Every structure is written in structure tokens, then in C-alpha cells.
Amino acid sequence: MLVDFRPHTRLRGSRPVDIGASVVPVLEALSEGAVDLDKVRLVADWVQYRENFRDVVDLRPILHTPAARGPAGPVPVPMGTREDDLEIAVDVRRSATLPLRELAADRLRRTGGHLALEDWGPGSDSCIWEFNALYWSALELWEKASGQGYEQALPGGESDARNVDAARDLIDELFAVWDRLTAASALPDELYVVELGVGNGNQAKVFLDTFRERDREHGGGYYRRLHYLMCDYSQHVLDLARETVGEHLDHVSAFALDAVRPLTALGFLQYKVFLVYVSNVYDNLPTDEVAQLGGRTYCVETRAYLPADAATDIASDLGIEVEDLPRLVHKLLRLGPTLLPEAVPDHVADVDSAVDFWRRTWAALRLEERYVPLAGLDTYTLSAPTVRADTETLLDGELLGPMLQSGADLRMHVSNGAVTSFVESLRLLHPYGTLVCHDLFVTDVGGYRTGFRGPGKYDGSVVNWVNGPLLAHVGRRHGFDVRYERFRHRSGGNIVTMTAQVGD
């Protein structure tokens, strides 16, 4: 048996975790069960997201051969590899006040009973991302039902992106670049700035207000040449943003697009943009997870499900059989809450009922996980499948090797959506352009060994920390220097600033 207690920093301090109370009851339950203790891994995490996709105690099978849909036959096993069969995971934060031994024993006995909503597959293929997309496309309905705007779900109730001092620093850096190009008679007539994930427009307003003020002081006449492109997945959000920046509309354009592939809408701006600004977007894009356990490489496959009690209650209120609930859930994801009542009027009377069904399902939604071995990292595609063919050869799974093989066992995000978005955004940049991103970044591989990094739930959306070392590696492969630093203008918090510029 291997015991991996990850939140070791919480063993000290004013309110230290009792490691005995977090681990020993599970060991007692395991010793009384029928599992082979020689092939069990016990993993303890502190799941900081109060809303998440995990039970207090979860079981994760560790397969020895690929899934049926993959290549046939066994995967070669290196000498000295641990051949574990099962990982049992405990959320230390929630387990402290619960009868953990009984929970673990019940989980070990129970092999089914919940309602699966999909087949097994990589995490980026899960229907949780369809829920995520639905949240942004029908945000107005969700906010009406919840009684609060989406920004209120963020820690502190607002985004760091609207910080005036941060905007001033960024604009002064832009002006310094433009002054040098002006002196060399090399500055284009049109000055493009792109913001991905514009939200309600508060960040854009802060930037534009500050830009106009600094330009008056500077005297460069840059404001009249500025083109600010606000981009977001949600048309509702873009409409709000346009109202917020109303006094700057002569300089603003709005684009509804998927942040994973910005080139689909912005391809006409390749190599013309001086600033691509991204805030709290990458952590909301689809991702897989991979793991190195006992000397072997795995893909973490997931399957969304509803606990039996929740599925029964929801189905009963809709007047359908439990086994029919997955079809109705996927119909909701396909049609949205506005059209669902027209499709199933006998079960969903109106839009408010559809939103209630959506919110209840999302609150109850959980993820099963299992480890499926990879024959080799070269068989794994790192980037999203829509990435341009000429970059795809640089984005295969072999890029993960240095991180996965950096020491002890490791499980980490691949940040597939963020990687694809990042590479396409780099193609937008002028040779003297900069990409700036504020987000939840893991900046050192060791960060994946010491803490839980998602997925969590932010209101109706999904959040995962972003694999910073991987994005830096990908950036270097494309000729960019990538740097990380703590957000300068607020103490505390987890937001990190990533900057990418063409290397010397």
C-alpha cells in the first residue's frame, strides 16, 4: 500500500489537520474489506472548492490495459513498475466532521447505484464542458434564477482585471513600444488590442478610460488610432460590455467567439495585434489530466453521473423514469433552457422550470475517474483537434515527458484548451506585441504534488488551474519568452500574471 498525503502544509499552523483522523479510519475500512492491500494507493487531498465534482471518499480503478476503444493488447510494463489496482481518494477538508470509516467502508462495498450520464472518456470530452458552455450562453437566465451576477461568484466578488494601477502599467509599456516604433517610422496607422473573455466590460472600461487619460498626458495621439476588440463566448456578456464602454464605442468592436480558437474570428489580424489581454479565461477551458504512477503513464478518464438519490428526486419531479433522465439532460445541453419546454412540454412546463432542472442537475453532478495506461506519450494528442495543422506537429504528448518524469508520482492538467488558445493567440501578435494573462497558474510542477488544482465549480461553470510550465514550454517552442509573476497590485490571492513576448 502507498499513502500519499498531499496537503502537507496544513499539518502545521494555528488549525493543523489531524492526519490520523484523515487517514487511519480509511485504513481501518480497507483492512476489513476484500481489496488486495498490496495494490492500493490512498491519496488525501484538500479540495478547496466547496462546490466540486468529488465525493468525500472516491474510488479510482487503475487499469492495466487500454480501454476497449483504444489500441488492442497490453501495454509494455517497464521493470520496477508498481501494478496497483485501485486508488482511494479522501477530501481532507470535508472528512474532518464526518464518520469517515463508515463512509469509506460503504464506498468500498458499493460498486454502482448512481446514474451515468455519459461513457468513459478523457476529461476534455466530458459533458461538464457542455454545461460550462450552456452557462455562458444562457448566463442571463442563470443570473436571474440565482439572484447574483457571475462576478459575485469569484473570490472577493470581482476580478483583478479591473485594477487601475495594473491598467496604467500595461498602457505605459505599450506607449514605450509605440514611441520607439514611431521614432523609426515603423508604427502602423491602426493600433489593435484584443481582450479575450471580456466579461461585463469593466476591465475594458478601466483600460479605455486609463488609455485616454494617459494619451492626453503623453500627447502621442494613440487613442484616435486605437481599435479595441472585445471577445467573449456569450452574446449576453458582450451586450453588457458594450453598454459599459458606451463612451468609447467609436474605438470598440465586439466578437462572439470560442476562446479555444480565436483565429476562427480574428484570423484577419494575424501579426497585427500589440496586446492580447486575457483574464480568468484559461482556467475555464476544457482539459484532460495525465498521471505518472509507479513508473507508468496514464490518462485520467472521467464519466459524469448523478448520485442515485438526486437522480430519483429530479426524475420524480419531472414525471419521468430515472433511466430516461440522461436523455433529457443531453436534450437540455443541446437545446438550452429556452427551447427545452417546446421539446418536452409534458415534463418541463416553461423556461423557469427548465432553468430549475438545469441548476439542480448541475448541483448534483459528479465525476467518476479511472486511470487508463498510455502506450506512449506520442500516442496522445496534446492540443485541441481544431488547432491549425501546421502547429499540430509541435503539440503532441511528448511535450509532457519532462514534467511527468520529473520525480515522484504526479497527476497534472494538460490544459488542452488553454494550450490551443495560447498558440493561436500568439499568431495574432505583432513582432513587438505582448500577451498578458491573469489566471490561476501552477507555476512549478511540484505544485501538482502538494495540492488539489480542480476541477471545481464556480457558480455554473468549471474551473481548473492552468499548467504554467507546459504553456511556457509550448511558448518557447514557438519562439516566445514566457514569464510568471504574482499579480503586483493586490496582496494575497492566487492570481498569477503570465507575459509572453517574442524572444531575443
Protein backbone atom coordinates (compact mmCIF):
# COMPACT_ATOMS: atom_id res chain seq x y z
CA MET A 1 0.00 0.00 0.00
CA LEU A 2 1.10 3.54 -0.78
CA VAL A 3 -0.20 6.52 1.23
CA ASP A 4 0.12 9.98 -0.38
CA PHE A 5 -0.88 12.87 1.91
CA ARG A 6 -0.68 15.91 -0.35
CA PRO A 7 -1.79 18.93 1.74
CA HIS A 8 1.28 18.70 3.98
CA THR A 9 1.37 22.48 4.55
CA ARG A 10 -1.86 22.11 6.53
CA LEU A 11 -0.22 19.84 9.09
CA ARG A 12 1.13 22.96 10.83
CA GLY A 13 -0.24 26.35 11.75
CA SER A 14 -2.98 27.61 14.05
CA ARG A 15 -5.50 24.98 12.91
CA PRO A 16 -3.46 21.95 11.82
CA VAL A 17 -5.07 18.97 10.11
CA ASP A 18 -5.19 15.78 12.16
CA ILE A 19 -3.52 13.34 9.77
CA GLY A 20 -4.60 10.41 11.91
CA ALA A 21 -8.27 11.36 11.70
CA SER A 22 -7.92 11.86 7.93
CA VAL A 23 -6.14 8.61 7.08
CA VAL A 24 -6.48 6.00 9.84
CA PRO A 25 -10.28 5.48 9.51
CA VAL A 26 -9.85 4.76 5.81
CA LEU A 27 -7.03 2.31 6.52
CA GLU A 28 -9.28 0.55 9.03
CA ALA A 29 -12.04 0.27 6.44
CA LEU A 30 -9.57 -1.06 3.88
CA SER A 31 -8.22 -3.66 6.30
CA GLU A 32 -11.74 -5.02 6.80
CA GLY A 33 -12.56 -5.13 3.09
CA ALA A 34 -11.74 -7.61 0.36
CA VAL A 35 -9.29 -5.48 -1.62
CA ASP A 36 -5.66 -6.51 -2.10
CA LEU A 37 -3.87 -4.06 0.18
CA ASP A 38 -0.63 -4.59 -1.74
CA LYS A 39 -2.23 -2.96 -4.80
CA VAL A 40 -3.95 0.05 -3.22
CA ARG A 41 -3.00 3.71 -3.25
CA LEU A 42 -4.52 6.03 -0.61
CA VAL A 43 -4.47 9.70 -1.65
CA ALA A 44 -5.52 12.55 0.65
CA ASP A 45 -6.25 15.99 -0.85
CA TRP A 46 -7.62 19.26 0.47
CA VAL A 47 -10.35 20.08 -2.06
CA GLN A 48 -10.63 23.84 -1.57
CA TYR A 49 -13.64 24.32 -3.86
CA ARG A 50 -16.76 23.96 -1.74
CA GLU A 51 -18.65 23.07 -4.91
CA ASN A 52 -16.87 20.35 -6.86
CA PHE A 53 -17.34 17.03 -8.65
CA ARG A 54 -15.99 14.68 -5.97
CA ASP A 55 -17.42 12.72 -3.07
CA VAL A 56 -15.66 12.80 0.30
CA VAL A 57 -14.37 9.31 -0.50
CA ASP A 58 -13.87 8.25 -4.12
CA LEU A 59 -12.57 5.09 -5.77
CA ARG A 60 -10.47 5.25 -8.93
CA PRO A 61 -9.73 1.96 -10.71
CA ILE A 62 -6.24 1.67 -12.21
CA LEU A 63 -6.43 -0.32 -15.44
CA HIS A 64 -3.57 -2.47 -16.69
CA THR A 65 -4.58 -2.39 -20.36
CA PRO A 66 -6.00 0.39 -22.53
CA ALA A 67 -9.74 0.93 -22.72
CA ALA A 68 -11.65 -1.11 -25.30
CA ARG A 69 -11.88 1.83 -27.71
CA GLY A 70 -8.08 2.23 -27.74
CA PRO A 71 -5.34 0.05 -29.24
CA ALA A 72 -5.81 -3.66 -28.58
CA GLY A 73 -3.43 -5.64 -26.46
CA PRO A 74 -1.45 -4.96 -23.29
CA VAL A 75 0.85 -2.01 -22.82
CA PRO A 76 4.50 -2.91 -22.14
CA VAL A 77 5.31 -2.52 -18.45
CA PRO A 78 8.80 -1.30 -17.52
CA MET A 79 10.80 -3.20 -14.91
CA GLY A 80 10.16 -1.99 -11.38
CA THR A 81 6.72 -0.59 -12.13
CA ARG A 82 4.05 -0.76 -9.43
CA GLU A 83 0.99 -2.64 -10.64
CA ASP A 84 -1.67 -1.02 -8.44
CA ASP A 85 -5.34 -1.83 -8.97
CA LEU A 86 -7.10 0.91 -7.05
CA GLU A 87 -6.70 4.45 -5.77
CA ILE A 88 -8.92 5.55 -2.92
CA ALA A 89 -9.15 9.34 -2.56
CA VAL A 90 -10.17 11.33 0.52
CA ASP A 91 -11.12 15.00 0.73
CA VAL A 92 -9.47 16.06 3.98
CA ARG A 93 -11.41 19.33 4.18
CA ARG A 94 -14.84 17.66 4.28
CA SER A 95 -13.87 14.44 6.08
CA ALA A 96 -13.00 16.07 9.41
CA THR A 97 -16.62 16.27 10.60
CA LEU A 98 -17.94 13.05 9.05
CA PRO A 99 -17.86 9.35 10.05
CA LEU A 100 -15.01 8.65 7.65
CA ARG A 101 -14.58 4.96 8.44
CA GLU A 102 -18.23 4.22 7.69
CA LEU A 103 -18.13 6.35 4.53
CA ALA A 104 -15.07 4.51 3.26
CA ALA A 105 -16.48 1.08 4.10
CA ASP A 106 -19.75 1.90 2.34
CA ARG A 107 -17.89 3.19 -0.71
CA LEU A 108 -15.78 0.03 -0.90
CA ARG A 109 -18.91 -2.13 -0.77
CA ARG A 110 -20.89 -0.04 -3.24
CA THR A 111 -19.87 -0.67 -6.85
CA GLY A 112 -22.80 1.04 -8.57
CA GLY A 113 -26.19 2.61 -7.95
CA HIS A 114 -25.58 6.02 -9.47
CA LEU A 115 -26.83 7.21 -12.86
CA ALA A 116 -24.16 7.62 -15.53
CA LEU A 117 -24.78 10.47 -17.98
CA GLU A 118 -22.07 9.55 -20.48
CA ASP A 119 -19.46 6.94 -21.42
CA TRP A 120 -15.88 6.96 -20.17
CA GLY A 121 -13.53 9.33 -21.97
CA PRO A 122 -10.78 11.95 -21.50
CA GLY A 123 -11.76 14.81 -19.25
CA SER A 124 -11.92 17.35 -22.08
CA ASP A 125 -14.67 15.27 -23.74
CA SER A 126 -16.93 15.22 -20.68
CA CYS A 127 -20.38 16.77 -20.74
CA ILE A 128 -19.29 19.05 -17.88
CA TRP A 129 -17.89 21.28 -20.64
CA GLU A 130 -21.28 21.32 -22.35
CA PHE A 131 -22.70 22.52 -19.02
CA ASN A 132 -19.92 25.10 -18.93
CA ALA A 133 -20.81 26.34 -22.42
CA LEU A 134 -24.51 26.41 -21.51
CA TYR A 135 -23.74 28.59 -18.51
CA TRP A 136 -22.09 31.25 -20.66
CA SER A 137 -24.61 31.07 -23.49
CA ALA A 138 -27.62 31.30 -21.12
CA LEU A 139 -25.96 33.38 -18.43
CA GLU A 140 -28.82 35.87 -18.19
CA LEU A 141 -31.26 33.12 -17.19
CA TRP A 142 -28.85 31.66 -14.62
CA GLU A 143 -28.21 35.06 -13.06
CA LYS A 144 -31.94 35.75 -12.85
CA ALA A 145 -32.51 32.43 -11.05
CA SER A 146 -29.53 32.80 -8.70
CA GLY A 147 -30.13 36.46 -7.94
CA GLN A 148 -26.50 37.44 -8.45
CA GLY A 149 -24.09 38.28 -11.27
CA TYR A 150 -21.40 35.80 -12.19
CA GLU A 151 -18.58 38.03 -10.92
CA GLN A 152 -20.01 37.72 -7.40
CA ALA A 153 -19.08 34.02 -7.51
CA LEU A 154 -15.38 34.94 -7.82
CA PRO A 155 -13.23 35.13 -4.65
CA GLY A 156 -13.68 38.66 -3.36
CA GLY A 157 -16.65 39.22 -5.66
CA GLU A 158 -14.70 40.85 -8.50
CA SER A 159 -11.90 40.29 -10.99
CA ASP A 160 -8.38 41.64 -10.54
CA ALA A 161 -8.54 42.67 -14.20
CA ARG A 162 -10.27 45.97 -13.35
CA ASN A 163 -7.32 47.22 -11.27
CA VAL A 164 -6.47 50.78 -12.43
CA ASP A 165 -2.80 50.60 -11.43
CA ALA A 166 -2.37 47.39 -13.44
CA ALA A 167 -4.01 49.02 -16.47
CA ARG A 168 -1.75 52.08 -16.16
CA ASP A 169 1.41 49.95 -16.06
CA LEU A 170 0.29 47.97 -19.08
CA ILE A 171 -0.56 51.08 -21.09
CA ASP A 172 2.73 52.78 -20.24
CA GLU A 173 4.57 49.71 -21.52
CA LEU A 174 2.55 49.86 -24.75
CA PHE A 175 3.33 53.56 -25.19
CA ALA A 176 7.05 52.88 -24.73
CA VAL A 177 6.96 50.32 -27.55
CA TRP A 178 4.93 52.59 -29.81
CA ASP A 179 7.23 55.55 -29.15
CA ARG A 180 10.22 53.51 -30.31
CA LEU A 181 8.39 52.36 -33.44
CA THR A 182 7.24 55.93 -34.12
CA ALA A 183 10.83 57.14 -33.93
CA ALA A 184 11.74 54.51 -36.52
CA SER A 185 8.70 55.40 -38.70
CA ALA A 186 7.51 51.79 -38.23
CA LEU A 187 4.29 52.19 -36.22
CA PRO A 188 1.16 51.09 -38.15
CA ASP A 189 -1.72 53.53 -38.55
CA GLU A 190 -4.13 51.20 -36.73
CA LEU A 191 -3.26 50.02 -33.21
CA TYR A 192 -5.04 46.79 -32.24
CA VAL A 193 -5.72 45.48 -28.74
CA VAL A 194 -7.68 42.23 -28.22
CA GLU A 195 -9.33 41.16 -24.98
CA LEU A 196 -10.40 37.51 -24.71
CA GLY A 197 -13.12 36.92 -22.13
CA VAL A 198 -14.36 40.49 -21.79
CA GLY A 199 -16.89 39.69 -19.08
CA ASN A 200 -19.25 42.55 -18.26
CA GLY A 201 -16.85 45.10 -19.75
CA ASN A 202 -15.50 46.55 -16.52
CA GLN A 203 -11.92 45.66 -17.41
CA ALA A 204 -12.35 47.14 -20.90
CA LYS A 205 -13.74 50.36 -19.41
CA VAL A 206 -10.86 50.66 -16.95
CA PHE A 207 -8.37 50.09 -19.77
CA LEU A 208 -10.02 52.51 -22.20
CA ASP A 209 -10.57 55.26 -19.61
CA THR A 210 -6.99 54.99 -18.43
CA PHE A 211 -5.68 54.77 -22.01
CA ARG A 212 -7.46 58.01 -23.00
CA GLU A 213 -6.20 59.79 -19.88
CA ARG A 214 -2.60 58.65 -20.34
CA ASP A 215 -2.67 59.52 -24.03
CA ARG A 216 -3.75 63.09 -23.22
CA GLU A 217 -0.83 63.37 -20.80
CA HIS A 218 1.58 61.70 -23.21
CA GLY A 219 0.47 63.56 -26.34
CA GLY A 220 1.12 60.69 -28.71
CA GLY A 221 -2.30 60.74 -30.35
CA TYR A 222 -2.62 56.98 -29.87
CA TYR A 223 -6.22 56.97 -28.66
CA ARG A 224 -7.64 58.11 -32.01
CA ARG A 225 -5.81 55.20 -33.72
CA LEU A 226 -6.85 52.56 -31.17
CA HIS A 227 -9.03 49.58 -32.11
CA TYR A 228 -10.14 47.61 -29.04
CA LEU A 229 -11.68 44.21 -29.83
CA MET A 230 -13.83 42.73 -27.05
CA CYS A 231 -14.25 38.96 -27.44
CA ASP A 232 -16.40 36.57 -25.44
CA TYR A 233 -18.31 33.33 -25.84
CA SER A 234 -21.54 34.83 -24.53
CA GLN A 235 -23.51 37.33 -26.62
CA HIS A 236 -25.32 38.41 -23.43
CA VAL A 237 -21.97 39.26 -21.84
CA LEU A 238 -20.88 41.17 -24.96
CA ASP A 239 -24.11 43.18 -24.93
CA LEU A 240 -23.47 44.15 -21.30
CA ALA A 241 -19.86 45.02 -22.12
CA ARG A 242 -20.88 47.29 -24.99
CA GLU A 243 -23.14 49.22 -22.61
CA THR A 244 -20.31 49.51 -20.09
CA VAL A 245 -17.88 51.04 -22.62
CA GLY A 246 -20.52 53.16 -24.34
CA GLU A 247 -18.44 56.36 -24.44
CA HIS A 248 -15.65 54.53 -26.29
CA LEU A 249 -17.76 52.75 -28.90
CA ASP A 250 -16.03 54.50 -31.82
CA HIS A 251 -12.93 52.55 -30.85
CA VAL A 252 -14.54 49.23 -29.89
CA SER A 253 -15.68 46.13 -31.80
CA ALA A 254 -17.32 43.05 -30.28
CA PHE A 255 -16.80 39.45 -31.42
CA ALA A 256 -18.65 36.36 -30.18
CA LEU A 257 -16.12 33.53 -30.35
CA ASP A 258 -14.83 30.42 -28.63
CA ALA A 259 -11.70 31.39 -26.70
CA VAL A 260 -10.15 27.99 -27.53
CA ARG A 261 -9.80 29.02 -31.19
CA PRO A 262 -9.60 32.81 -31.52
CA LEU A 263 -8.21 32.62 -35.06
CA THR A 264 -11.58 31.48 -36.40
CA ALA A 265 -12.91 35.01 -35.92
CA LEU A 266 -9.71 37.05 -35.69
CA GLY A 267 -7.57 35.49 -38.42
CA PHE A 268 -7.57 38.77 -40.33
CA LEU A 269 -5.47 40.25 -37.50
CA GLN A 270 -2.54 37.81 -37.66
CA TYR A 271 0.72 39.58 -36.68
CA LYS A 272 -1.08 42.94 -36.21
CA VAL A 273 -2.13 42.94 -32.52
CA PHE A 274 0.06 44.76 -30.00
CA LEU A 275 -1.68 43.40 -26.92
CA VAL A 276 -3.71 40.25 -26.35
CA TYR A 277 -5.24 40.55 -22.89
CA VAL A 278 -6.72 37.50 -21.17
CA SER A 279 -8.16 37.38 -17.65
CA ASN A 280 -9.67 34.33 -15.92
CA VAL A 281 -10.32 32.52 -19.21
CA TYR A 282 -7.76 29.73 -19.47
CA ASP A 283 -8.94 28.17 -16.19
CA ASN A 284 -12.40 27.82 -17.74
CA LEU A 285 -11.35 25.87 -20.88
CA PRO A 286 -11.55 22.08 -21.41
CA THR A 287 -8.67 19.99 -20.13
CA ASP A 288 -7.53 16.42 -19.73
CA GLU A 289 -5.42 15.10 -16.89
CA VAL A 290 -2.48 12.70 -17.17
CA ALA A 291 -0.56 10.92 -14.44
CA GLN A 292 2.70 9.16 -13.76
CA LEU A 293 2.09 6.47 -11.14
CA GLY A 294 4.64 3.91 -10.07
CA GLY A 295 6.73 4.48 -13.19
CA ARG A 296 3.82 4.20 -15.63
CA THR A 297 1.96 6.89 -17.62
CA TYR A 298 -1.84 7.13 -17.56
CA CYS A 299 -4.63 9.23 -18.98
CA VAL A 300 -7.30 10.09 -16.41
CA GLU A 301 -10.66 9.16 -17.92
CA THR A 302 -13.87 10.52 -16.45
CA ARG A 303 -17.60 9.82 -16.56
CA ALA A 304 -20.25 12.25 -15.33
CA TYR A 305 -23.00 10.84 -13.13
CA LEU A 306 -25.80 11.77 -10.75
CA PRO A 307 -25.97 10.13 -7.30
CA ALA A 308 -28.90 7.74 -7.06
CA ASP A 309 -30.90 9.82 -4.57
CA ALA A 310 -30.52 13.03 -6.59
CA ALA A 311 -31.40 11.28 -9.85
CA THR A 312 -34.53 9.79 -8.30
CA ASP A 313 -35.69 13.14 -6.91
CA ILE A 314 -35.10 15.04 -10.17
CA ALA A 315 -36.75 12.37 -12.32
CA SER A 316 -39.75 12.17 -9.99
CA ASP A 317 -40.31 15.93 -10.13
CA LEU A 318 -40.13 15.83 -13.94
CA GLY A 319 -42.53 12.89 -14.13
CA ILE A 320 -40.11 10.59 -15.97
CA GLU A 321 -38.37 7.31 -15.23
CA VAL A 322 -34.84 7.55 -13.85
CA GLU A 323 -33.40 5.72 -16.88
CA ASP A 324 -34.85 8.46 -19.14
CA LEU A 325 -33.10 11.24 -17.27
CA PRO A 326 -29.76 11.14 -19.19
CA ARG A 327 -31.57 11.70 -22.49
CA LEU A 328 -33.37 14.71 -21.05
CA VAL A 329 -30.13 16.11 -19.64
CA HIS A 330 -28.46 15.91 -23.03
CA LYS A 331 -31.52 17.46 -24.66
CA LEU A 332 -31.16 20.36 -22.24
CA LEU A 333 -27.49 20.73 -23.18
CA ARG A 334 -28.32 20.62 -26.88
CA LEU A 335 -31.36 22.94 -26.92
CA GLY A 336 -30.85 25.13 -23.87
CA PRO A 337 -33.49 26.11 -21.30
CA THR A 338 -35.36 28.43 -23.67
CA LEU A 339 -36.25 25.73 -26.21
CA LEU A 340 -36.48 22.73 -23.87
CA PRO A 341 -40.13 23.42 -22.85
CA GLU A 342 -41.16 23.33 -26.51
CA ALA A 343 -39.46 19.95 -26.97
CA VAL A 344 -40.82 18.26 -23.81
CA PRO A 345 -43.87 20.30 -22.65
CA ASP A 346 -45.27 17.38 -20.65
CA HIS A 347 -42.23 17.37 -18.37
CA VAL A 348 -40.84 20.94 -18.48
CA ALA A 349 -43.66 23.48 -18.42
CA ASP A 350 -41.75 26.71 -19.01
CA VAL A 351 -38.34 28.37 -19.10
CA ASP A 352 -38.21 28.82 -15.32
CA SER A 353 -38.80 25.08 -14.88
CA ALA A 354 -36.06 24.34 -17.41
CA VAL A 355 -33.60 26.57 -15.53
CA ASP A 356 -34.52 24.88 -12.26
CA PHE A 357 -33.87 21.46 -13.85
CA TRP A 358 -30.53 22.73 -15.16
CA ARG A 359 -29.42 24.16 -11.81
CA ARG A 360 -30.47 21.09 -9.80
CA THR A 361 -28.70 18.75 -12.20
CA TRP A 362 -25.54 20.83 -12.12
CA ALA A 363 -25.51 20.98 -8.32
CA ALA A 364 -25.78 17.19 -8.07
CA LEU A 365 -23.34 16.38 -10.90
CA ARG A 366 -20.28 14.30 -10.00
CA LEU A 367 -17.37 12.72 -11.89
CA GLU A 368 -16.11 9.17 -11.71
CA GLU A 369 -12.44 8.74 -12.58
CA ARG A 370 -10.18 5.91 -13.68
CA TYR A 371 -6.58 5.62 -14.82
CA VAL A 372 -6.05 4.20 -18.32
CA PRO A 373 -2.44 3.40 -19.36
CA LEU A 374 -0.85 5.15 -22.32
CA ALA A 375 1.34 3.06 -24.60
CA GLY A 376 3.47 6.17 -25.15
CA LEU A 377 3.12 9.92 -24.93
CA ASP A 378 3.47 10.11 -28.71
CA THR A 379 0.06 8.42 -28.93
CA TYR A 380 -1.59 11.27 -27.02
CA THR A 381 -2.67 14.49 -28.76
CA LEU A 382 -2.00 17.45 -26.52
CA SER A 383 -3.73 20.25 -28.42
CA ALA A 384 -7.41 20.61 -29.19
CA PRO A 385 -8.26 18.93 -32.53
CA THR A 386 -9.17 22.24 -34.18
CA VAL A 387 -5.64 23.64 -33.94
CA ARG A 388 -4.12 24.53 -37.31
CA ALA A 389 -2.37 21.60 -38.98
CA ASP A 390 0.97 23.37 -39.29
CA THR A 391 1.26 23.71 -35.50
CA GLU A 392 -0.15 20.32 -34.56
CA THR A 393 3.17 18.51 -35.03
CA LEU A 394 4.62 20.63 -32.21
CA LEU A 395 1.81 19.81 -29.80
CA ASP A 396 1.88 16.08 -29.25
CA GLY A 397 2.08 14.36 -25.89
CA GLU A 398 5.86 14.06 -25.88
CA LEU A 399 5.97 17.66 -24.64
CA LEU A 400 4.64 16.30 -21.32
CA GLY A 401 7.57 13.94 -20.79
CA PRO A 402 9.94 16.28 -18.89
CA MET A 403 7.18 17.18 -16.44
CA LEU A 404 5.71 13.72 -15.89
CA GLN A 405 9.14 12.18 -15.41
CA SER A 406 10.46 14.89 -13.10
CA GLY A 407 10.45 12.82 -9.92
CA ALA A 408 7.83 11.23 -7.69
CA ASP A 409 4.32 10.26 -8.76
CA LEU A 410 2.44 13.10 -10.38
CA ARG A 411 -1.01 13.91 -11.69
CA MET A 412 -1.46 17.12 -13.67
CA HIS A 413 -3.70 19.03 -16.05
CA VAL A 414 -2.83 19.12 -19.72
CA SER A 415 -4.75 22.40 -20.21
CA ASN A 416 -5.62 21.38 -23.79
CA GLY A 417 -7.99 24.28 -24.40
CA ALA A 418 -5.60 26.81 -22.88
CA VAL A 419 -2.67 25.49 -24.92
CA THR A 420 -4.64 25.73 -28.17
CA SER A 421 -5.93 29.22 -27.34
CA PHE A 422 -2.45 30.34 -26.34
CA VAL A 423 -0.82 29.13 -29.57
CA GLU A 424 -3.48 30.73 -31.75
CA SER A 425 -3.26 33.98 -29.78
CA LEU A 426 0.50 34.11 -30.29
CA ARG A 427 -0.18 34.14 -34.02
CA LEU A 428 -2.15 37.35 -33.59
CA LEU A 429 0.77 39.25 -32.09
CA HIS A 430 2.75 41.91 -33.89
CA PRO A 431 6.53 41.21 -33.67
CA TYR A 432 6.60 43.78 -30.84
CA GLY A 433 3.33 42.59 -29.34
CA THR A 434 2.67 41.08 -25.90
CA LEU A 435 0.22 38.55 -24.48
CA VAL A 436 -0.76 39.23 -20.86
CA CYS A 437 -2.88 36.75 -18.92
CA HIS A 438 -4.11 36.89 -15.31
CA ASP A 439 -5.24 33.47 -14.14
CA LEU A 440 -4.85 30.53 -11.77
CA PHE A 441 -1.49 29.12 -12.85
CA VAL A 442 0.52 26.27 -11.39
CA THR A 443 3.99 27.73 -11.97
CA ASP A 444 6.02 24.76 -10.80
CA VAL A 445 5.39 21.08 -11.45
CA GLY A 446 5.74 20.43 -7.74
CA GLY A 447 2.53 22.39 -7.20
CA TYR A 448 0.61 19.41 -8.56
CA ARG A 449 2.11 17.18 -5.88
CA THR A 450 1.04 19.32 -2.95
CA GLY A 451 -2.49 20.50 -3.66
CA PHE A 452 -5.77 19.98 -5.46
CA ARG A 453 -5.99 22.07 -8.65
CA GLY A 454 -9.52 21.33 -9.88
CA PRO A 455 -11.95 20.72 -11.31
CA GLY A 456 -14.16 22.86 -9.15
CA LYS A 457 -17.45 24.63 -9.73
CA TYR A 458 -17.70 28.41 -9.91
CA ASP A 459 -21.43 29.05 -9.91
CA GLY A 460 -22.50 27.25 -13.13
CA SER A 461 -19.07 26.96 -14.73
CA VAL A 462 -15.96 24.77 -14.41
CA VAL A 463 -12.59 25.91 -13.07
CA ASN A 464 -9.18 24.20 -13.26
CA TRP A 465 -5.76 25.63 -12.52
CA VAL A 466 -3.64 26.04 -15.64
CA ASN A 467 -0.40 24.15 -16.30
CA GLY A 468 2.06 27.05 -16.38
CA PRO A 469 5.26 25.03 -17.07
CA LEU A 470 3.56 23.44 -20.07
CA LEU A 471 2.46 26.79 -21.54
CA ALA A 472 5.97 28.15 -21.03
CA HIS A 473 7.43 25.11 -22.81
CA VAL A 474 4.99 25.49 -25.70
CA GLY A 475 5.73 29.22 -25.89
CA ARG A 476 9.46 28.59 -26.17
CA ARG A 477 8.83 26.10 -28.97
CA HIS A 478 7.12 28.94 -30.84
CA GLY A 479 9.88 31.48 -30.19
CA PHE A 480 8.34 33.33 -27.23
CA ASP A 481 9.69 34.05 -23.77
CA VAL A 482 7.05 33.28 -21.13
CA ARG A 483 7.32 34.72 -17.62
CA TYR A 484 5.17 34.35 -14.49
CA GLU A 485 4.84 36.65 -11.51
CA ARG A 486 2.37 37.22 -8.71
CA PHE A 487 -0.26 39.82 -9.52
CA ARG A 488 1.52 43.03 -8.49
CA HIS A 489 -1.39 45.16 -7.40
CA ARG A 490 -3.07 43.06 -4.71
CA SER A 491 -1.56 41.16 -1.81
CA GLY A 492 -2.78 37.64 -1.19
CA GLY A 493 -4.92 35.66 -3.60
CA ASN A 494 -3.86 33.08 -6.13
CA ILE A 495 -3.87 35.12 -9.35
CA VAL A 496 -0.63 34.97 -11.34
CA THR A 497 0.30 37.14 -14.34
CA MET A 498 1.74 35.41 -17.41
CA THR A 499 3.54 37.52 -20.02
CA ALA A 500 4.60 36.21 -23.44
CA GLN A 501 6.78 38.16 -25.88
CA VAL A 502 8.99 37.24 -28.83
CA GLY A 503 12.33 36.06 -27.51
CA ASP A 504 15.61 37.83 -28.26
